[in-house]
């Protein structure tokens, strides 16, 4: 089967208020950016026309990547987001990739099979333009998620999907609202809540259009850039994933997060495929 060209782009910004020099911080003895690059390298080995690149704004990260044979490219300092940094990197390439995965440089525990499932979804669905994963929460996971919302209400995003698994809406609130919860707990094996995982993949045209389209009126209030795609009726395919028994963690943004990440690695060790 022919695989069109795929690029895993890893935006890595040096400055961080809570964790200075974040990409070069070590987690269990290995620099964060190298851990993320290793994930991308593994996925590319499974996909012949897949490449990866670190997109950075700092010579120190660029030098580190060169020393470790990690493909890297310098991007503009004024990029406002990882998405914009990815696009800036893509514009510098001689050949435009058909599919771009935005793997954040502070996500060293992202399971490689998440990326593989995004690629597989794109290969099967030629109508979708944006691809992003979600987890269907069990009732126990829903209870934990709901409790966490009490102390950090804007941490964690939920999504509604249609019968073809396209996104209908995203929110920092828990959606859907659950009426007659006790009744539904008896009837449904899982809760009706799906937690979005902030890993994005785009067709070239979708990523290009993001910077040409007007923002959604819900984009800033929710703090969710993907609302722009929904507002302009660009189909967003949701891909169901699971952590295969591993503890999950999003980005590493603080010294405390490094401790958490190291604890997960100590408990579950490295990914088996590496």
Protein backbone atom coordinates (compact mmCIF):
# COMPACT_ATOMS: atom_id res chain seq x y z
CA UNK A 1 0.00 0.00 0.00
CA UNK A 2 1.27 3.44 -0.92
CA UNK A 3 1.78 5.76 2.05
CA UNK A 4 1.78 9.46 1.17
CA UNK A 5 4.42 11.53 2.94
CA UNK A 6 3.94 12.11 6.66
CA UNK A 7 5.78 14.57 8.89
CA UNK A 8 5.90 14.40 12.68
CA UNK A 9 6.75 17.94 13.75
CA UNK A 10 7.99 18.49 17.32
CA UNK A 11 7.70 22.16 18.39
CA UNK A 12 10.22 22.88 21.16
CA UNK A 13 10.47 26.33 22.72
CA UNK A 14 13.41 27.06 25.03
CA UNK A 15 11.82 29.70 27.24
CA UNK A 16 9.38 28.58 29.92
CA UNK A 17 8.31 30.53 32.99
CA UNK A 18 7.68 27.47 35.15
CA UNK A 19 10.47 25.30 33.76
CA UNK A 20 13.40 27.18 32.15
CA UNK A 21 15.21 25.36 29.33
CA UNK A 22 12.34 22.87 29.38
CA UNK A 23 13.26 20.74 26.32
CA UNK A 24 16.75 20.10 27.72
CA UNK A 25 15.59 19.11 31.20
CA UNK A 26 16.37 15.48 31.98
CA UNK A 27 13.68 12.97 32.84
CA UNK A 28 15.12 9.77 34.33
CA UNK A 29 18.50 10.70 32.87
CA UNK A 30 17.36 11.50 29.33
CA UNK A 31 16.65 14.99 27.98
CA UNK A 32 12.97 15.61 27.37
CA UNK A 33 13.40 16.55 23.71
CA UNK A 34 15.32 13.34 23.06
CA UNK A 35 12.57 11.28 24.64
CA UNK A 36 10.01 12.89 22.35
CA UNK A 37 12.28 12.53 19.32
CA UNK A 38 12.75 8.83 20.12
CA UNK A 39 8.97 8.37 20.02
CA UNK A 40 8.81 10.05 16.61
CA UNK A 41 11.80 8.06 15.31
CA UNK A 42 10.17 4.79 16.33
CA UNK A 43 6.91 5.65 14.56
CA UNK A 44 8.82 6.67 11.43
CA UNK A 45 10.57 3.30 11.35
CA UNK A 46 7.16 1.66 11.04
CA UNK A 47 6.08 4.00 8.21
CA UNK A 48 8.48 4.17 5.23
CA UNK A 49 7.51 7.67 4.04
CA UNK A 50 7.27 9.19 7.52
CA UNK A 51 9.86 11.72 8.66
CA UNK A 52 10.20 13.82 11.79
CA UNK A 53 11.77 17.13 12.72
CA UNK A 54 12.22 19.26 15.83
CA UNK A 55 11.04 22.83 15.25
CA UNK A 56 12.79 25.14 17.70
CA UNK A 57 13.50 28.80 18.36
CA UNK A 58 16.83 28.40 20.14
CA UNK A 59 20.37 27.54 19.04
CA UNK A 60 20.96 25.50 22.21
CA UNK A 61 18.19 23.08 21.30
CA UNK A 62 19.37 23.03 17.70
CA UNK A 63 22.93 22.20 18.81
CA UNK A 64 21.70 19.44 21.11
CA UNK A 65 19.69 17.89 18.28
CA UNK A 66 22.67 18.00 15.92
CA UNK A 67 24.85 16.31 18.53
CA UNK A 68 22.33 13.47 18.82
CA UNK A 69 21.52 13.14 15.09
CA UNK A 70 18.00 14.46 15.59
CA UNK A 71 16.61 16.35 12.57
CA UNK A 72 15.91 19.94 13.58
CA UNK A 73 15.03 23.27 12.03
CA UNK A 74 15.06 26.85 13.31
CA UNK A 75 11.73 28.65 13.34
CA UNK A 76 10.70 32.23 14.01
CA UNK A 77 10.98 33.43 17.60
CA UNK A 78 7.55 35.05 17.56
CA UNK A 79 5.49 31.90 16.96
CA UNK A 80 2.49 32.12 19.29
CA UNK A 81 1.80 28.40 19.60
CA UNK A 82 3.12 24.96 18.80
CA UNK A 83 0.71 24.86 15.85
CA UNK A 84 2.20 28.04 14.41
CA UNK A 85 5.72 26.73 14.97
CA UNK A 86 4.86 23.55 13.06
CA UNK A 87 3.49 25.58 10.18
CA UNK A 88 6.59 27.78 10.17
CA UNK A 89 8.73 24.66 9.90
CA UNK A 90 6.61 23.17 7.13
CA UNK A 91 6.97 26.34 5.06
CA UNK A 92 10.75 25.89 5.10
CA UNK A 93 10.67 22.37 3.63
CA UNK A 94 11.41 21.74 -0.04
CA UNK A 95 8.47 19.37 -0.35
CA UNK A 96 5.20 19.91 1.51
CA UNK A 97 4.10 16.86 3.50
CA UNK A 98 0.56 15.65 2.98
CA UNK A 99 -0.04 14.87 6.64
CA UNK A 100 1.45 16.66 9.65
CA UNK A 101 1.37 15.40 13.23
CA UNK A 102 2.00 18.02 15.90
CA UNK A 103 3.81 16.15 18.70
CA UNK A 104 4.53 18.69 21.42
CA UNK A 105 8.11 18.74 22.66
CA UNK A 106 6.94 18.58 26.29
CA UNK A 107 5.02 15.33 25.83
CA UNK A 108 7.67 12.68 26.55
CA UNK A 109 5.19 10.01 27.66
CA UNK A 110 2.98 10.08 24.58
CA UNK A 111 2.36 6.44 23.59
CA UNK A 112 3.74 5.84 20.09
CA UNK A 113 0.64 3.87 19.16
CA UNK A 114 -1.41 7.07 19.46
CA UNK A 115 0.53 8.50 16.51
CA UNK A 116 0.24 5.24 14.60
CA UNK A 117 -3.53 5.23 15.10
CA UNK A 118 -3.78 8.81 13.78
CA UNK A 119 -1.86 7.78 10.68
CA UNK A 120 -4.09 4.74 10.18
CA UNK A 121 -7.22 6.86 10.59
CA UNK A 122 -5.99 9.30 7.95
CA UNK A 123 -5.21 6.47 5.54
CA UNK A 124 -8.77 5.16 5.89
CA UNK A 125 -10.76 8.41 6.04
CA UNK A 126 -10.18 10.81 3.16
CA UNK A 127 -13.01 13.14 4.14
CA UNK A 128 -11.56 14.23 7.47
CA UNK A 129 -9.02 17.05 7.57
CA UNK A 130 -8.00 17.06 11.23
CA UNK A 131 -7.38 13.99 13.40
CA UNK A 132 -7.10 13.91 17.19
CA UNK A 133 -7.46 11.19 19.85
CA UNK A 134 -9.86 10.69 22.74
CA UNK A 135 -10.48 8.26 25.58
CA UNK A 136 -13.99 7.01 26.37
CA UNK A 137 -14.15 7.28 30.16
CA UNK A 138 -15.35 4.45 32.34
CA UNK A 139 -17.61 5.45 35.21
CA UNK A 140 -14.64 5.20 37.57
CA UNK A 141 -12.51 7.41 35.30
CA UNK A 142 -15.40 9.85 35.00
CA UNK A 143 -15.63 10.12 38.79
CA UNK A 144 -11.90 10.88 39.03
CA UNK A 145 -12.13 13.40 36.20
CA UNK A 146 -15.14 15.14 37.77
CA UNK A 147 -13.38 15.37 41.14
CA UNK A 148 -10.26 16.88 39.53
CA UNK A 149 -12.42 19.54 37.88
CA UNK A 150 -13.30 20.91 41.31
CA UNK A 151 -9.73 22.08 41.92
CA UNK A 152 -8.60 22.64 38.31
CA UNK A 153 -11.75 23.47 36.32
CA UNK A 154 -9.91 24.37 33.11
CA UNK A 155 -7.69 21.31 33.02
CA UNK A 156 -8.97 18.56 30.78
CA UNK A 157 -11.17 18.81 27.69
CA UNK A 158 -14.21 16.79 26.72
CA UNK A 159 -15.72 16.19 23.29
CA UNK A 160 -19.03 15.20 21.74
CA UNK A 161 -18.88 13.01 18.65
CA UNK A 162 -21.34 11.98 15.95
CA UNK A 163 -22.06 8.48 14.62
CA UNK A 164 -19.04 8.65 12.27
CA UNK A 165 -16.77 9.78 15.12
CA UNK A 166 -16.46 13.34 13.91
CA UNK A 167 -16.30 16.03 16.59
CA UNK A 168 -19.48 17.97 17.29
CA UNK A 169 -18.18 20.17 20.12
CA UNK A 170 -15.27 20.54 22.54
CA UNK A 171 -15.40 22.10 25.98
CA UNK A 172 -13.46 22.59 29.18
CA UNK A 173 -16.77 21.87 30.87
CA UNK A 174 -17.79 18.24 31.19
CA UNK A 175 -20.05 17.46 28.25
CA UNK A 176 -22.56 16.00 27.90
CA UNK A 177 -24.37 16.97 31.07
CA UNK A 178 -25.66 13.78 32.65
CA UNK A 179 -29.27 13.72 33.84
CA UNK A 180 -30.58 10.70 35.75
CA UNK A 181 -27.01 9.65 36.39
CA UNK A 182 -27.84 6.77 38.72
CA UNK A 183 -30.15 5.27 36.12
CA UNK A 184 -27.51 5.58 33.39
CA UNK A 185 -24.84 4.01 35.60
CA UNK A 186 -26.97 0.86 35.68
CA UNK A 187 -27.70 0.91 31.95
CA UNK A 188 -24.39 1.95 30.39
CA UNK A 189 -21.13 0.04 30.63
CA UNK A 190 -19.16 3.29 30.27
CA UNK A 191 -19.98 6.91 31.01
CA UNK A 192 -21.14 9.07 28.07
CA UNK A 193 -18.09 11.34 28.57
CA UNK A 194 -15.12 11.31 26.22
CA UNK A 195 -11.90 13.04 27.25
CA UNK A 196 -9.98 14.70 24.46
CA UNK A 197 -6.21 14.16 24.27
CA UNK A 198 -4.31 17.20 22.99
CA UNK A 199 -2.44 15.57 20.13
CA UNK A 200 -3.26 16.89 16.67
CA UNK A 201 -2.68 15.81 13.10
CA UNK A 202 -3.67 17.77 10.00
CA UNK A 203 -3.74 17.46 6.27
CA UNK A 204 -1.52 20.10 4.70
CA UNK A 205 -4.55 22.09 3.51
CA UNK A 206 -6.20 22.00 6.93
CA UNK A 207 -3.11 23.32 8.69
CA UNK A 208 -2.73 26.02 6.05
CA UNK A 209 -6.37 27.04 6.41
CA UNK A 210 -6.05 27.44 10.18
CA UNK A 211 -3.99 30.61 9.64
CA UNK A 212 -6.33 31.94 6.96
CA UNK A 213 -9.65 31.49 8.76
CA UNK A 214 -11.22 33.81 11.31
CA UNK A 215 -11.26 32.59 14.93
CA UNK A 216 -14.34 30.94 16.33
CA UNK A 217 -16.30 33.03 18.87
CA UNK A 218 -15.81 30.09 21.26
CA UNK A 219 -12.09 29.73 20.67
CA UNK A 220 -10.84 32.33 23.15
CA UNK A 221 -13.43 31.76 25.92
CA UNK A 222 -12.74 28.01 25.92
CA UNK A 223 -9.03 28.36 25.17
CA UNK A 224 -9.36 25.67 22.49
CA UNK A 225 -7.86 26.36 19.06
CA UNK A 226 -9.65 23.38 17.49
CA UNK A 227 -12.93 25.28 17.76
CA UNK A 228 -11.82 27.23 14.68
CA UNK A 229 -12.03 24.10 12.56
CA UNK A 230 -15.52 23.25 13.78
CA UNK A 231 -16.70 26.84 13.30
CA UNK A 232 -15.69 26.67 9.63
CA UNK A 233 -17.06 23.14 9.17
CA UNK A 234 -13.69 21.49 8.66
CA UNK A 235 -14.26 17.85 9.66
CA UNK A 236 -12.35 16.77 12.76
CA UNK A 237 -12.02 13.01 13.10
CA UNK A 238 -11.87 11.69 16.65
CA UNK A 239 -9.76 8.56 17.08
CA UNK A 240 -10.44 6.40 20.13
CA UNK A 241 -7.27 5.27 21.93
CA UNK A 242 -6.32 3.70 25.23
CA UNK A 243 -3.19 3.73 27.35
CA UNK A 244 -2.94 -0.07 27.47
CA UNK A 245 -2.73 -0.15 31.23
CA UNK A 246 -0.18 2.65 31.60
CA UNK A 247 -0.77 5.76 33.68
CA UNK A 248 -1.42 8.80 31.55
CA UNK A 249 0.14 12.23 31.70
CA UNK A 250 -0.08 15.27 29.47
CA UNK A 251 2.66 17.87 29.13
CA UNK A 252 5.62 18.38 31.46
CA UNK A 253 5.46 22.02 32.56
CA UNK A 254 7.06 22.16 36.01
CA UNK A 255 9.64 20.50 38.26
CA UNK A 256 6.74 18.67 39.91
CA UNK A 257 5.73 17.27 36.52
CA UNK A 258 9.23 15.89 36.03
CA UNK A 259 8.89 14.02 39.32
CA UNK A 260 5.51 12.65 38.20
CA UNK A 261 6.92 11.58 34.83
CA UNK A 262 9.87 9.83 36.47
CA UNK A 263 7.51 8.01 38.82
CA UNK A 264 5.47 6.73 35.86
CA UNK A 265 8.63 5.57 34.08
CA UNK A 266 9.83 3.85 37.26
CA UNK A 267 6.51 2.04 37.65
CA UNK A 268 5.92 1.06 34.03
CA UNK A 269 9.45 1.41 32.65
CA UNK A 270 10.11 2.62 29.14
CA UNK A 271 7.85 1.83 26.21
CA UNK A 272 8.39 -1.83 25.29
CA UNK A 273 9.16 -1.08 21.66
CA UNK A 274 12.18 1.12 22.39
